[in-house]
Amino acid sequence: MKPQLLAVMILASIATQQANATITFSTGSGSAVTSVDRSANFDAVRNNDNLSNYSENLLSITTDGTAHLNEDPFNIESVEFHSAGAGFHCAGVNMSWVTIKATGRKIIGVEFLYGNIWSALTFGGQRSDFGKDSAIIEWKTSLDGDWVSVGSQPVGTVIGFSDPTGFDYLLLRAVLSTGSGDNNQAIALDNLEVQLAPIPEPSTWIAGIALTLPFGVQVFRHLCNRKQVS
């Protein structure tokens, strides 16, 4: 097989893999992260802290707004809850999603304890607690992309998102309904764990260059010949 044809086939294969790459949603500890490279427990977060530039352990977990930690978004009866006012990531009900990034690396897996600050109502309309199990979890990996719904999960559940091809960042929110035009969301998260994409070996880059170089030389010569003819 000619080197240039092989190079084109490899590049086309890579492009196809990237186009077909998708996030897999899962539940349970270890379902999306098999090896923890970075983590954030948010123990330093205090009520009214600015979350627009929050970072911990080379992870960026940001949203527009300040920390709203007065209530338990994870269901105090099902999980160990930090003292009121500290210990998790939530900006209350707002119009900005949460963005998760890893400084300098791609991510292949994310897991965290899921909650939300939507109020749950008892009979008669009296507020009993926070954390609405029927809230809808949505994600996307591109600012220009469409939100993808993964349905509802009980608050206090560990949820995960994974993609073996890697992604640069993950956008998350918890809404009451989809397609309503209401952009308010109220996601809360704690005990974040992240698995990073492996760094390609130098031999991989060398092999790629070796395969594509003959094709590049042919294109360069072709362009030079066209200039000489003209």
Protein backbone atom coordinates (compact mmCIF):
# COMPACT_ATOMS: atom_id res chain seq x y z
CA MET A 1 0.00 0.00 0.00
CA LYS A 2 1.30 3.46 -0.89
CA PRO A 3 2.39 5.52 2.14
CA GLN A 4 0.17 8.47 1.24
CA LEU A 5 -2.90 6.23 0.92
CA LEU A 6 -2.15 4.61 4.28
CA ALA A 7 -1.75 8.05 5.88
CA VAL A 8 -5.09 9.21 4.51
CA MET A 9 -6.77 6.05 5.80
CA ILE A 10 -5.29 6.53 9.27
CA LEU A 11 -6.31 10.18 9.43
CA ALA A 12 -9.81 9.30 8.24
CA SER A 13 -10.04 6.60 10.89
CA ILE A 14 -9.01 9.03 13.63
CA ALA A 15 -11.54 11.61 12.42
CA THR A 16 -14.28 8.98 12.37
CA GLN A 17 -13.46 7.85 15.90
CA GLN A 18 -13.60 11.43 17.15
CA ALA A 19 -16.89 12.07 15.38
CA ASN A 20 -18.41 8.92 16.85
CA ALA A 21 -17.05 9.53 20.35
CA THR A 22 -19.78 9.89 22.93
CA ILE A 23 -20.18 10.14 26.66
CA THR A 24 -21.40 7.07 28.53
CA PHE A 25 -23.51 7.77 31.62
CA SER A 26 -23.33 5.37 34.56
CA THR A 27 -24.16 5.08 38.25
CA GLY A 28 -22.19 3.71 41.16
CA SER A 29 -18.66 4.17 42.45
CA GLY A 30 -16.10 2.82 39.97
CA SER A 31 -18.54 2.79 37.05
CA ALA A 32 -16.79 5.61 35.15
CA VAL A 33 -13.48 6.07 37.01
CA THR A 34 -11.34 2.96 37.48
CA SER A 35 -8.21 4.84 38.56
CA VAL A 36 -8.44 8.17 40.39
CA ASP A 37 -5.88 10.67 39.08
CA ARG A 38 -7.34 13.84 40.59
CA SER A 39 -10.09 14.53 43.10
CA ALA A 40 -11.90 17.38 44.87
CA ASN A 41 -13.80 17.11 48.16
CA PHE A 42 -14.80 20.80 48.40
CA ASP A 43 -14.13 20.81 52.14
CA ALA A 44 -12.73 24.35 51.88
CA VAL A 45 -15.89 25.78 50.27
CA ARG A 46 -17.86 28.10 52.53
CA ASN A 47 -21.27 29.65 52.13
CA ASN A 48 -21.24 32.64 49.72
CA ASP A 49 -17.79 31.79 48.30
CA ASN A 50 -17.40 32.79 44.65
CA LEU A 51 -17.55 29.66 42.48
CA SER A 52 -16.80 31.31 39.13
CA ASN A 53 -13.08 30.46 39.41
CA TYR A 54 -13.03 27.59 41.91
CA SER A 55 -10.17 25.10 41.55
CA GLU A 56 -8.84 22.23 43.64
CA ASN A 57 -6.05 19.71 43.02
CA LEU A 58 -5.53 20.85 39.40
CA LEU A 59 -9.25 20.58 38.71
CA SER A 60 -11.41 23.52 37.70
CA ILE A 61 -15.05 23.26 38.84
CA THR A 62 -16.79 26.52 38.01
CA THR A 63 -20.20 28.11 37.70
CA ASP A 64 -21.45 31.68 37.75
CA GLY A 65 -22.62 32.46 41.25
CA THR A 66 -21.76 32.00 44.91
CA ALA A 67 -21.90 28.91 47.08
CA HIS A 68 -25.32 28.15 48.51
CA LEU A 69 -24.74 25.65 51.30
CA ASN A 70 -27.57 26.28 53.74
CA GLU A 71 -29.50 23.10 52.89
CA ASP A 72 -28.63 19.47 52.22
CA PRO A 73 -28.94 18.71 48.48
CA PHE A 74 -27.94 15.04 48.87
CA ASN A 75 -30.65 13.81 51.30
CA ILE A 76 -29.26 13.81 54.82
CA GLU A 77 -30.92 10.47 55.59
CA SER A 78 -29.02 8.56 52.91
CA VAL A 79 -25.47 9.97 53.01
CA GLU A 80 -23.09 11.52 55.49
CA PHE A 81 -23.68 15.27 55.28
CA HIS A 82 -21.18 18.00 56.03
CA SER A 83 -22.12 20.61 58.60
CA ALA A 84 -24.37 23.31 57.16
CA GLY A 85 -22.45 26.04 55.39
CA ALA A 86 -19.44 24.05 54.16
CA GLY A 87 -18.27 21.08 52.20
CA PHE A 88 -19.81 20.74 48.73
CA HIS A 89 -20.22 22.55 45.39
CA CYS A 90 -23.56 24.24 44.69
CA ALA A 91 -24.58 27.73 43.59
CA GLY A 92 -28.26 27.28 44.38
CA VAL A 93 -30.85 27.89 41.68
CA ASN A 94 -29.11 29.79 38.88
CA MET A 95 -28.85 30.00 35.10
CA SER A 96 -25.27 28.74 34.74
CA TRP A 97 -24.15 25.13 34.31
CA VAL A 98 -21.17 23.63 36.15
CA THR A 99 -17.99 23.20 34.06
CA ILE A 100 -15.41 20.55 35.02
CA LYS A 101 -11.90 20.74 33.54
CA ALA A 102 -8.52 19.16 34.32
CA THR A 103 -5.59 21.53 34.00
CA GLY A 104 -3.38 20.54 31.06
CA ARG A 105 -4.98 17.14 30.40
CA LYS A 106 -7.93 15.47 28.74
CA ILE A 107 -10.45 13.57 30.86
CA ILE A 108 -11.77 10.06 30.24
CA GLY A 109 -13.87 9.61 33.38
CA VAL A 110 -15.75 11.70 35.96
CA GLU A 111 -17.64 10.57 39.05
CA PHE A 112 -19.26 12.50 41.89
CA LEU A 113 -21.96 12.40 44.52
CA TYR A 114 -25.01 13.93 42.86
CA GLY A 115 -27.55 16.24 44.43
CA ASN A 116 -29.61 19.32 43.66
CA ILE A 117 -31.07 22.23 45.55
CA TRP A 118 -34.56 22.02 44.09
CA SER A 119 -36.98 21.85 47.01
CA ALA A 120 -39.00 18.70 47.61
CA LEU A 121 -42.59 19.27 48.75
CA THR A 122 -44.77 17.23 51.05
CA PHE A 123 -48.59 16.97 51.06
CA GLY A 124 -50.08 20.42 51.45
CA GLY A 125 -47.21 22.18 49.68
CA GLN A 126 -45.02 22.58 52.75
CA ARG A 127 -41.29 22.35 52.07
CA SER A 128 -39.84 19.33 53.87
CA ASP A 129 -36.32 19.13 52.53
CA PHE A 130 -34.12 19.77 49.50
CA GLY A 131 -33.02 17.51 46.69
CA LYS A 132 -35.65 16.61 44.12
CA ASP A 133 -35.29 13.08 42.76
CA SER A 134 -37.32 13.94 39.65
CA ALA A 135 -34.90 16.67 38.50
CA ILE A 136 -33.36 15.93 35.09
CA ILE A 137 -29.57 15.66 34.72
CA GLU A 138 -28.14 17.07 31.48
CA TRP A 139 -24.62 17.29 30.04
CA LYS A 140 -22.66 18.43 27.01
CA THR A 141 -18.98 18.70 26.04
CA SER A 142 -19.25 21.68 23.70
CA LEU A 143 -20.54 25.18 24.36
CA ASP A 144 -22.25 25.09 20.96
CA GLY A 145 -23.65 21.60 21.41
CA ASP A 146 -27.10 20.51 22.48
CA TRP A 147 -27.86 19.42 26.01
CA VAL A 148 -28.13 15.65 26.38
CA SER A 149 -30.54 14.34 29.02
CA VAL A 150 -29.71 11.25 31.08
CA GLY A 151 -33.00 11.35 32.95
CA SER A 152 -33.44 11.47 36.71
CA GLN A 153 -31.50 9.89 39.55
CA PRO A 154 -32.14 9.89 43.30
CA VAL A 155 -30.10 12.53 45.12
CA GLY A 156 -27.25 10.92 47.03
CA THR A 157 -26.36 8.70 44.05
CA VAL A 158 -22.81 8.49 42.68
CA ILE A 159 -23.07 9.21 38.96
CA GLY A 160 -20.40 9.02 36.26
CA PHE A 161 -19.56 10.15 32.75
CA SER A 162 -16.87 8.47 30.64
CA ASP A 163 -15.41 8.50 27.15
CA PRO A 164 -12.23 6.48 26.35
CA THR A 165 -11.31 8.94 23.58
CA GLY A 166 -11.18 11.79 26.09
CA PHE A 167 -12.83 15.20 26.39
CA ASP A 168 -11.54 18.65 27.38
CA TYR A 169 -14.37 19.63 29.70
CA LEU A 170 -17.79 18.52 30.87
CA LEU A 171 -20.79 20.81 31.32
CA LEU A 172 -23.50 19.71 33.77
CA ARG A 173 -26.82 20.92 35.12
CA ALA A 174 -29.98 19.68 36.86
CA VAL A 175 -33.24 21.11 35.51
CA LEU A 176 -36.90 20.56 36.34
CA SER A 177 -37.97 20.01 32.72
CA THR A 178 -36.46 19.87 29.24
CA GLY A 179 -37.52 21.97 26.27
CA SER A 180 -39.42 24.48 28.41
CA GLY A 181 -37.08 27.40 27.68
CA ASP A 182 -36.42 27.79 31.41
CA ASN A 183 -32.63 27.71 31.86
CA ASN A 184 -32.69 27.63 35.66
CA GLN A 185 -30.74 24.73 37.12
CA ALA A 186 -29.64 23.69 40.61
CA ILE A 187 -27.05 20.88 40.51
CA ALA A 188 -24.87 20.09 43.53
CA LEU A 189 -21.84 17.80 43.66
CA ASP A 190 -19.38 16.42 46.17
CA ASN A 191 -16.50 13.95 46.31
CA LEU A 192 -15.49 14.52 42.68
CA GLU A 193 -13.10 11.96 41.16
CA VAL A 194 -11.47 12.28 37.74
CA GLN A 195 -9.52 9.87 35.55
CA LEU A 196 -7.19 11.46 33.01
CA ALA A 197 -6.51 10.37 29.45
CA PRO A 198 -3.07 8.76 29.06
CA ILE A 199 -0.32 10.86 27.52
CA PRO A 200 0.59 9.44 24.07
CA GLU A 201 3.99 7.75 23.93
CA PRO A 202 6.63 9.53 21.80
CA SER A 203 6.73 6.48 19.53
CA THR A 204 3.08 7.09 18.65
CA TRP A 205 3.81 10.63 17.45
CA ILE A 206 6.89 9.46 15.56
CA ALA A 207 4.91 6.73 13.82
CA GLY A 208 2.21 9.22 12.86
CA ILE A 209 4.75 11.66 11.45
CA ALA A 210 6.50 8.88 9.56
CA LEU A 211 3.26 7.78 7.96
CA THR A 212 2.05 11.24 6.98
CA LEU A 213 5.38 12.77 5.95
CA PRO A 214 5.55 11.15 2.47
CA PHE A 215 2.04 12.40 1.75
CA GLY A 216 2.99 15.92 2.86
CA VAL A 217 6.11 15.89 0.67
CA GLN A 218 4.05 14.83 -2.35
CA VAL A 219 1.59 17.68 -1.77
CA PHE A 220 4.43 20.18 -1.37
CA ARG A 221 6.10 19.04 -4.62
CA HIS A 222 2.78 19.19 -6.44
CA LEU A 223 2.22 22.77 -5.32
CA CYS A 224 5.76 23.76 -6.33
CA ASN A 225 5.31 22.23 -9.79
CA ARG A 226 2.04 24.12 -10.26
CA LYS A 227 3.74 27.40 -9.42
CA GLN A 228 6.54 26.70 -11.90
CA VAL A 229 4.07 25.88 -14.67
CA SER A 230 2.03 29.02 -14.04
